[in-house]
N, C-alpha and C. Protein backbone atom coordinates (compact mmCIF):
# COMPACT_ATOMS: atom_id res chain seq x y z
N MET A 1 -18.25 -4.68 115.95
CA MET A 1 -17.47 -3.72 115.91
C MET A 1 -16.09 -3.75 114.93
N ILE A 2 -15.60 -3.08 114.04
CA ILE A 2 -14.43 -3.70 113.52
C ILE A 2 -12.95 -2.58 114.09
N HIS A 3 -12.38 -3.30 114.31
CA HIS A 3 -11.12 -2.74 115.30
C HIS A 3 -9.84 -2.73 114.36
N THR A 4 -9.14 -1.50 114.55
CA THR A 4 -7.69 -1.68 113.68
C THR A 4 -6.67 -1.97 114.47
N ILE A 5 -5.93 -2.85 114.28
CA ILE A 5 -4.77 -3.20 114.93
C ILE A 5 -3.32 -3.06 114.15
N ARG A 6 -2.63 -2.71 115.05
CA ARG A 6 -1.13 -2.54 114.29
C ARG A 6 -0.02 -3.61 114.25
N VAL A 7 0.55 -3.67 113.34
CA VAL A 7 1.39 -4.69 113.00
C VAL A 7 2.63 -4.68 112.45
N THR A 8 3.49 -5.13 112.33
CA THR A 8 4.72 -5.21 111.39
C THR A 8 4.67 -5.20 110.22
N SER A 9 5.29 -4.01 109.35
CA SER A 9 4.67 -3.45 108.26
C SER A 9 5.51 -4.89 107.33
N GLY A 10 4.67 -5.54 106.33
CA GLY A 10 5.51 -6.52 105.69
C GLY A 10 4.93 -8.08 106.34
N GLN A 11 4.17 -7.80 107.43
CA GLN A 11 3.73 -9.29 108.07
C GLN A 11 2.51 -9.36 108.33
N GLU A 12 1.83 -8.79 107.40
CA GLU A 12 0.41 -8.62 107.62
C GLU A 12 -0.45 -9.85 107.17
N LYS A 13 -0.15 -10.64 106.10
CA LYS A 13 -0.68 -11.93 105.65
C LYS A 13 -0.58 -12.75 106.64
N ILE A 14 0.65 -12.89 107.13
CA ILE A 14 0.95 -13.82 108.15
C ILE A 14 0.36 -13.59 109.45
N ILE A 15 0.49 -12.52 109.88
CA ILE A 15 -0.14 -12.38 111.25
C ILE A 15 -1.66 -12.61 110.87
N ALA A 16 -2.32 -12.28 109.92
CA ALA A 16 -3.76 -12.21 109.54
C ALA A 16 -3.95 -14.28 109.81
N GLU A 17 -3.26 -14.88 109.46
CA GLU A 17 -3.50 -16.18 109.14
C GLU A 17 -3.32 -16.66 110.88
N ILE A 18 -2.29 -16.21 111.56
CA ILE A 18 -1.85 -16.37 113.04
C ILE A 18 -3.13 -16.28 113.84
N LEU A 19 -3.92 -15.05 113.60
CA LEU A 19 -4.88 -14.45 114.37
C LEU A 19 -6.00 -15.45 113.87
N MET A 20 -6.47 -15.71 112.63
CA MET A 20 -7.58 -16.74 112.40
C MET A 20 -7.22 -18.00 113.00
N LYS A 21 -6.16 -18.78 112.89
CA LYS A 21 -6.08 -19.89 113.63
C LYS A 21 -6.14 -19.85 115.13
N LYS A 22 -5.32 -18.65 115.93
CA LYS A 22 -5.79 -18.70 117.38
C LYS A 22 -7.26 -18.45 117.61
N ALA A 23 -7.95 -17.87 116.73
CA ALA A 23 -9.41 -17.49 116.88
C ALA A 23 -10.15 -18.92 116.93
N LYS A 24 -9.68 -19.82 116.15
CA LYS A 24 -10.48 -21.06 115.97
C LYS A 24 -10.23 -22.07 117.13
N ALA A 25 -8.80 -22.00 117.50
CA ALA A 25 -8.12 -22.90 118.31
C ALA A 25 -9.01 -22.42 119.87
N GLU A 26 -8.78 -20.73 120.19
CA GLU A 26 -9.22 -20.45 121.43
C GLU A 26 -10.98 -20.41 121.45
N LYS A 27 -11.59 -20.64 119.97
CA LYS A 27 -13.00 -20.50 119.84
C LYS A 27 -13.49 -19.03 120.31
N LEU A 28 -12.61 -18.20 119.98
CA LEU A 28 -13.10 -16.64 120.19
C LEU A 28 -14.10 -16.28 119.05
N GLU A 29 -14.96 -15.39 119.34
CA GLU A 29 -16.10 -14.89 118.62
C GLU A 29 -15.16 -13.86 117.53
N ILE A 30 -14.53 -14.11 116.39
CA ILE A 30 -14.02 -13.32 115.44
C ILE A 30 -14.78 -13.50 114.16
N TYR A 31 -15.19 -12.46 113.62
CA TYR A 31 -16.27 -12.73 112.39
C TYR A 31 -14.95 -12.72 111.01
N SER A 32 -14.30 -11.60 111.11
CA SER A 32 -13.16 -11.63 109.90
C SER A 32 -11.94 -10.91 110.69
N VAL A 33 -10.93 -11.14 109.56
CA VAL A 33 -9.49 -10.48 110.02
C VAL A 33 -9.24 -9.95 108.23
N VAL A 34 -9.27 -8.78 108.10
CA VAL A 34 -8.92 -8.15 106.57
C VAL A 34 -7.70 -7.45 106.85
N HIS A 35 -7.33 -7.69 105.66
CA HIS A 35 -5.53 -7.05 105.55
C HIS A 35 -5.78 -6.52 103.77
N ALA A 36 -5.80 -5.17 104.09
CA ALA A 36 -5.59 -4.32 102.93
C ALA A 36 -4.34 -4.18 102.10
N GLU A 37 -4.42 -4.55 100.82
CA GLU A 37 -2.98 -4.42 100.25
C GLU A 37 -2.29 -3.12 100.23
N ASN A 38 -3.16 -2.05 100.15
CA ASN A 38 -2.66 -0.75 99.90
C ASN A 38 -2.35 -0.12 101.59
N VAL A 39 -2.93 -0.86 102.32
CA VAL A 39 -2.58 -0.01 103.74
C VAL A 39 -1.44 -1.39 104.59
N LYS A 40 -0.39 -0.62 104.88
CA LYS A 40 0.61 -1.40 105.29
C LYS A 40 0.80 -1.38 106.70
N GLY A 41 1.04 -2.17 107.38
CA GLY A 41 1.02 -1.91 108.80
C GLY A 41 0.02 -2.20 109.89
N TYR A 42 -1.30 -2.33 109.13
CA TYR A 42 -2.41 -2.26 109.90
C TYR A 42 -3.23 -3.64 109.23
N LEU A 43 -4.15 -4.16 110.32
CA LEU A 43 -5.19 -5.27 109.99
C LEU A 43 -6.43 -4.71 110.52
N PHE A 44 -7.56 -5.17 110.05
CA PHE A 44 -8.73 -5.04 110.47
C PHE A 44 -9.05 -6.14 111.02
N VAL A 45 -10.04 -5.92 111.91
CA VAL A 45 -10.67 -7.14 112.65
C VAL A 45 -12.15 -7.18 113.30
N GLU A 46 -12.93 -7.96 112.70
CA GLU A 46 -14.26 -7.66 113.24
C GLU A 46 -14.60 -8.73 114.36
N THR A 47 -15.00 -7.95 115.56
CA THR A 47 -15.21 -8.70 116.94
C THR A 47 -16.48 -8.03 117.17
N PRO A 48 -17.18 -8.95 118.38
CA PRO A 48 -18.33 -8.27 119.10
C PRO A 48 -17.84 -7.11 120.00
N ASP A 49 -16.83 -7.56 120.51
CA ASP A 49 -16.25 -6.49 121.70
C ASP A 49 -14.65 -6.30 121.67
N GLU A 50 -14.39 -5.09 122.50
CA GLU A 50 -12.79 -5.16 122.59
C GLU A 50 -12.12 -6.18 123.46
N ASN A 51 -12.79 -6.76 124.31
CA ASN A 51 -12.17 -7.82 125.37
C ASN A 51 -11.92 -9.24 124.58
N THR A 52 -12.47 -9.30 123.45
CA THR A 52 -12.26 -10.40 122.50
C THR A 52 -10.97 -10.13 121.65
N LEU A 53 -11.01 -8.73 121.44
CA LEU A 53 -9.91 -8.64 120.63
C LEU A 53 -8.71 -8.42 121.09
N VAL A 54 -8.70 -8.00 122.33
CA VAL A 54 -7.57 -8.20 123.60
C VAL A 54 -7.20 -9.55 123.72
N LYS A 55 -8.04 -10.30 124.15
CA LYS A 55 -7.55 -11.68 123.86
C LYS A 55 -6.95 -12.48 122.72
N LEU A 56 -7.44 -11.82 121.55
CA LEU A 56 -6.62 -12.50 120.18
C LEU A 56 -5.67 -11.96 120.11
N ILE A 57 -4.98 -10.88 120.28
CA ILE A 57 -3.91 -10.33 119.91
C ILE A 57 -2.62 -10.50 121.08
N GLN A 58 -3.09 -10.87 122.38
CA GLN A 58 -2.17 -11.09 123.38
C GLN A 58 -1.24 -12.09 122.81
N LYS A 59 0.08 -11.76 123.28
CA LYS A 59 1.53 -12.43 123.04
C LYS A 59 1.46 -13.33 121.43
N VAL A 60 0.75 -12.48 120.43
CA VAL A 60 1.06 -12.57 119.29
C VAL A 60 2.39 -12.01 118.77
N LYS A 61 3.38 -12.64 118.30
CA LYS A 61 4.59 -11.78 117.70
C LYS A 61 4.20 -10.73 116.67
N HIS A 62 4.86 -9.59 116.53
CA HIS A 62 4.41 -8.67 115.64
C HIS A 62 3.45 -7.73 115.73
N VAL A 63 2.40 -7.92 116.86
CA VAL A 63 1.40 -7.08 116.72
C VAL A 63 1.72 -6.28 117.86
N LYS A 64 1.43 -4.78 117.60
CA LYS A 64 1.97 -3.70 118.22
C LYS A 64 0.93 -3.28 119.11
N GLY A 65 -0.11 -3.60 118.90
CA GLY A 65 -1.42 -2.69 119.60
C GLY A 65 -2.78 -2.58 118.86
N PHE A 66 -3.62 -2.07 119.21
CA PHE A 66 -4.81 -1.68 118.35
C PHE A 66 -4.98 -0.32 118.65
N LEU A 67 -6.01 0.49 117.98
CA LEU A 67 -6.39 1.65 117.90
C LEU A 67 -7.79 1.46 118.70
N LYS A 68 -8.14 2.31 119.59
CA LYS A 68 -8.98 2.63 120.53
C LYS A 68 -10.40 2.82 119.75
N LYS A 69 -10.21 3.32 118.97
CA LYS A 69 -11.59 4.15 118.02
C LYS A 69 -12.12 2.88 116.79
N ALA A 70 -13.10 2.35 117.01
CA ALA A 70 -13.73 1.25 115.86
C ALA A 70 -13.74 1.95 114.55
N VAL A 71 -13.78 1.48 113.50
CA VAL A 71 -13.65 1.87 112.38
C VAL A 71 -15.20 1.41 111.81
N THR A 72 -15.57 2.35 110.84
CA THR A 72 -17.01 1.60 110.06
C THR A 72 -16.48 1.15 108.84
N ILE A 73 -17.59 0.21 108.27
CA ILE A 73 -17.19 -0.52 107.12
C ILE A 73 -17.12 0.46 105.65
N GLU A 74 -17.57 1.92 105.80
CA GLU A 74 -17.63 2.78 104.63
C GLU A 74 -16.08 3.32 104.98
N GLU A 75 -15.49 3.62 105.86
CA GLU A 75 -14.38 3.96 106.18
C GLU A 75 -13.04 3.08 105.45
N ILE A 76 -13.36 1.69 105.67
CA ILE A 76 -12.76 0.59 104.97
C ILE A 76 -12.83 0.43 103.41
N GLU A 77 -14.18 0.66 103.29
CA GLU A 77 -14.37 0.74 101.65
C GLU A 77 -13.26 1.81 100.68
N LYS A 78 -13.54 3.06 101.59
CA LYS A 78 -12.69 3.97 100.84
C LYS A 78 -11.32 3.78 100.70
N LEU A 79 -10.97 3.12 101.72
CA LEU A 79 -9.18 2.54 101.94
C LEU A 79 -9.11 1.62 100.70
N LEU A 80 -10.06 0.47 100.21
CA LEU A 80 -9.90 -0.24 99.45
C LEU A 80 -10.09 0.08 98.28
N GLN A 81 -10.90 1.29 97.95
CA GLN A 81 -10.99 1.52 96.74
C GLN A 81 -10.25 2.81 96.35
N ALA A 82 -9.30 3.12 97.27
CA ALA A 82 -8.25 4.25 97.05
C ALA A 82 -7.29 3.60 95.60
N GLU A 83 -7.37 4.67 94.61
CA GLU A 83 -7.00 4.40 93.37
C GLU A 83 -5.26 4.13 93.49
N LYS A 84 -5.03 2.94 92.67
CA LYS A 84 -3.66 2.62 92.49
C LYS A 84 -2.57 4.00 91.49
N GLN A 85 -1.82 4.05 91.64
CA GLN A 85 -0.79 4.75 90.86
C GLN A 85 -0.73 4.40 89.70
N PRO A 86 -1.02 5.37 88.59
CA PRO A 86 -0.84 4.52 87.34
C PRO A 86 0.17 3.80 86.78
N ALA A 87 0.13 2.69 86.48
CA ALA A 87 1.63 1.77 86.11
C ALA A 87 2.30 2.61 85.03
N MET A 88 3.44 2.86 85.18
CA MET A 88 4.27 3.17 83.83
C MET A 88 4.29 2.21 82.98
N VAL A 89 4.52 2.83 81.61
CA VAL A 89 4.35 1.91 80.61
C VAL A 89 5.80 1.63 80.23
N ILE A 90 6.01 0.30 80.51
CA ILE A 90 7.29 -0.36 80.42
C ILE A 90 6.75 -1.32 79.54
N GLU A 91 7.41 -1.68 78.56
CA GLU A 91 7.28 -2.75 77.71
C GLU A 91 8.45 -3.55 77.50
N VAL A 92 8.19 -4.79 76.89
CA VAL A 92 9.24 -5.64 76.19
C VAL A 92 10.38 -4.95 75.47
N GLY A 93 11.52 -5.14 75.94
CA GLY A 93 12.69 -4.65 75.18
C GLY A 93 13.31 -3.14 75.74
N ASP A 94 12.44 -2.62 76.64
CA ASP A 94 12.71 -1.46 77.29
C ASP A 94 14.10 -1.62 78.09
N THR A 95 14.59 -0.73 78.30
CA THR A 95 15.88 -0.56 79.54
C THR A 95 15.25 0.11 80.61
N ILE A 96 15.75 -0.75 81.74
CA ILE A 96 15.10 -0.10 83.00
C ILE A 96 16.31 -0.14 83.96
N GLU A 97 16.15 0.36 85.23
CA GLU A 97 17.36 0.70 86.11
C GLU A 97 16.48 0.18 87.21
N MET A 98 17.07 -0.63 88.04
CA MET A 98 16.73 -1.34 89.47
C MET A 98 16.42 -0.14 90.46
N SER A 99 15.46 0.12 91.20
CA SER A 99 15.33 1.05 91.83
C SER A 99 15.44 0.84 93.45
N SER A 100 15.19 -0.60 94.04
CA SER A 100 16.03 -1.26 95.25
C SER A 100 16.22 -2.81 94.77
N GLY A 101 16.34 -3.21 96.05
CA GLY A 101 16.89 -4.59 96.30
C GLY A 101 18.14 -4.71 95.77
N PRO A 102 18.65 -6.12 95.60
CA PRO A 102 19.89 -6.41 95.49
C PRO A 102 20.77 -5.60 94.31
N PHE A 103 20.14 -5.47 93.46
CA PHE A 103 20.46 -5.04 92.16
C PHE A 103 20.24 -3.89 91.92
N LYS A 104 20.33 -2.90 93.03
CA LYS A 104 19.59 -1.29 92.94
C LYS A 104 20.78 -0.81 92.01
N GLY A 105 20.48 0.36 91.47
CA GLY A 105 21.31 0.75 90.45
C GLY A 105 21.63 0.38 89.17
N GLU A 106 21.45 -0.94 88.90
CA GLU A 106 21.66 -2.03 88.09
C GLU A 106 20.96 -1.71 86.90
N ARG A 107 21.31 -1.67 85.61
CA ARG A 107 20.47 -1.46 84.42
C ARG A 107 20.22 -3.00 83.73
N ALA A 108 18.94 -2.88 82.83
CA ALA A 108 18.58 -4.42 82.51
C ALA A 108 17.50 -4.38 81.54
N LYS A 109 17.49 -5.11 80.59
CA LYS A 109 16.85 -5.14 79.45
C LYS A 109 15.49 -5.78 79.98
N VAL A 110 14.33 -5.39 79.43
CA VAL A 110 12.96 -6.38 79.82
C VAL A 110 12.93 -7.27 78.92
N LEU A 111 12.58 -8.50 79.56
CA LEU A 111 12.37 -9.62 78.78
C LEU A 111 10.65 -10.27 78.77
N LYS A 112 10.43 -9.97 79.81
CA LYS A 112 8.88 -10.58 79.97
C LYS A 112 8.06 -9.65 81.15
N ILE A 113 6.69 -9.38 80.77
CA ILE A 113 6.28 -8.73 81.94
C ILE A 113 4.89 -9.36 82.26
N ASP A 114 4.88 -9.94 83.71
CA ASP A 114 3.63 -10.72 83.87
C ASP A 114 2.51 -9.61 85.00
N GLU A 115 1.46 -8.98 84.22
CA GLU A 115 0.79 -8.12 85.12
C GLU A 115 -0.03 -8.47 86.10
N ALA A 116 -0.18 -10.01 85.79
CA ALA A 116 -1.13 -10.53 87.07
C ALA A 116 -0.33 -10.92 88.52
N LYS A 117 0.77 -11.29 88.48
CA LYS A 117 1.49 -11.39 89.37
C LYS A 117 2.45 -9.91 89.73
N ASP A 118 2.26 -9.02 89.05
CA ASP A 118 3.00 -7.50 88.99
C ASP A 118 4.18 -7.62 89.12
N GLU A 119 4.76 -8.71 88.22
CA GLU A 119 6.39 -9.02 87.83
C GLU A 119 7.07 -8.58 86.76
N THR A 120 8.07 -8.36 86.75
CA THR A 120 8.84 -8.15 85.71
C THR A 120 10.12 -8.88 85.48
N THR A 121 10.45 -9.80 84.19
CA THR A 121 11.44 -10.51 84.07
C THR A 121 12.64 -9.77 83.35
N VAL A 122 13.92 -9.55 83.88
CA VAL A 122 14.71 -8.49 83.06
C VAL A 122 16.09 -9.26 83.17
N GLU A 123 17.04 -9.22 82.17
CA GLU A 123 18.14 -9.76 82.09
C GLU A 123 19.32 -8.55 82.41
N LEU A 124 19.91 -8.76 83.37
CA LEU A 124 21.03 -7.57 83.72
C LEU A 124 21.94 -7.55 82.65
N VAL A 125 22.16 -5.91 82.07
CA VAL A 125 23.11 -5.66 80.96
C VAL A 125 24.68 -5.37 81.25
N GLU A 126 25.09 -4.94 82.36
CA GLU A 126 26.12 -4.95 82.63
C GLU A 126 26.87 -6.08 83.50
N VAL A 127 26.82 -7.26 83.36
CA VAL A 127 27.27 -8.42 83.97
C VAL A 127 27.94 -9.42 82.55
N ALA A 128 28.96 -9.84 83.28
CA ALA A 128 29.52 -11.04 82.42
C ALA A 128 28.73 -12.29 81.88
N VAL A 129 28.18 -12.42 82.57
CA VAL A 129 27.00 -13.64 82.26
C VAL A 129 25.51 -12.90 82.12
N PRO A 130 24.91 -12.60 81.30
CA PRO A 130 23.37 -12.30 81.66
C PRO A 130 22.33 -13.29 81.82
N ILE A 131 21.99 -13.15 83.10
CA ILE A 131 20.81 -14.27 83.75
C ILE A 131 19.63 -13.41 83.91
N PRO A 132 18.63 -14.30 83.55
CA PRO A 132 17.16 -13.39 83.77
C PRO A 132 17.08 -13.42 85.07
N VAL A 133 16.41 -12.51 85.48
CA VAL A 133 16.07 -12.03 86.99
C VAL A 133 14.62 -11.70 86.81
N THR A 134 13.53 -12.40 87.63
CA THR A 134 12.05 -11.68 88.12
C THR A 134 11.99 -11.10 88.98
N VAL A 135 11.61 -9.69 89.18
CA VAL A 135 11.45 -8.84 90.22
C VAL A 135 10.10 -8.31 90.03
N LYS A 136 9.94 -7.78 91.34
CA LYS A 136 8.43 -6.74 91.23
C LYS A 136 8.33 -5.72 90.53
N SER A 137 7.54 -5.33 89.74
CA SER A 137 7.35 -4.18 89.13
C SER A 137 7.77 -3.07 89.64
N LYS A 138 7.39 -2.91 90.94
CA LYS A 138 7.55 -1.50 91.61
C LYS A 138 9.23 -1.36 91.94
N MET A 139 9.95 -2.38 91.79
CA MET A 139 11.19 -2.63 91.89
C MET A 139 12.27 -1.67 90.52
N VAL A 140 11.39 -1.70 89.68
CA VAL A 140 12.12 -1.04 88.45
C VAL A 140 11.87 0.27 88.27
N LYS A 141 12.31 0.84 87.22
CA LYS A 141 11.91 2.39 86.54
C LYS A 141 12.35 2.63 85.35
N LEU A 142 11.60 3.10 84.44
CA LEU A 142 12.37 3.17 83.08
C LEU A 142 13.48 3.75 82.91
N PHE A 143 14.50 3.27 82.49
CA PHE A 143 15.61 4.18 81.81
C PHE A 143 15.63 4.83 80.62
N GLN A 144 15.41 3.80 79.33
CA GLN A 144 15.27 4.21 78.37
C GLN A 144 14.19 3.14 77.47
N LYS A 145 13.63 3.89 76.64
CA LYS A 145 12.63 3.02 75.74
C LYS A 145 13.24 2.40 74.47
N ALA A 146 12.60 1.09 74.31
CA ALA A 146 13.56 0.29 72.97
C ALA A 146 13.61 1.44 71.82
N GLY A 147 14.47 0.92 71.27
CA GLY A 147 14.68 1.62 69.87
C GLY A 147 15.32 3.15 69.87
N GLN A 148 15.33 3.48 71.30
CA GLN A 148 15.87 4.92 71.36
C GLN A 148 17.43 4.89 71.94
N GLU A 149 18.13 5.53 71.18
CA GLU A 149 19.46 5.27 71.44
C GLU A 149 20.16 6.67 72.20
N GLU A 150 20.91 6.65 73.46
CA GLU A 150 21.55 7.79 73.69
C GLU A 150 22.37 8.60 72.91
């Protein structure tokens, strides 16, 4: 049976590791713990029964509970295959605006794009000393293409 457990959003990977260690230490019959990147706040745990799941999640920080209805592998496959939003076309030299984080609202020039890590290295424009900063690509939005003047 595959159960869905609710966890604190952003803590999924850490909690998955904690649950696997606890399962090994207590010799619980846990077949797998899955964290889907595009499903925030939930983990999928494959166990033979609900009692094993309850023993596993007892007294684990950031675990908020579990959904009573078991899910099928087909339902999980649909979630995993959900299409990502098309990436905006940001290129080296473009001017971007930070949409979140400590530099929210700041403009910066793109120096490097690492698609494998989903990171963008930028240099803040409106600062006294320009310093390269690496941020997640989802934290930036295109402000102006390179070569286009206002």
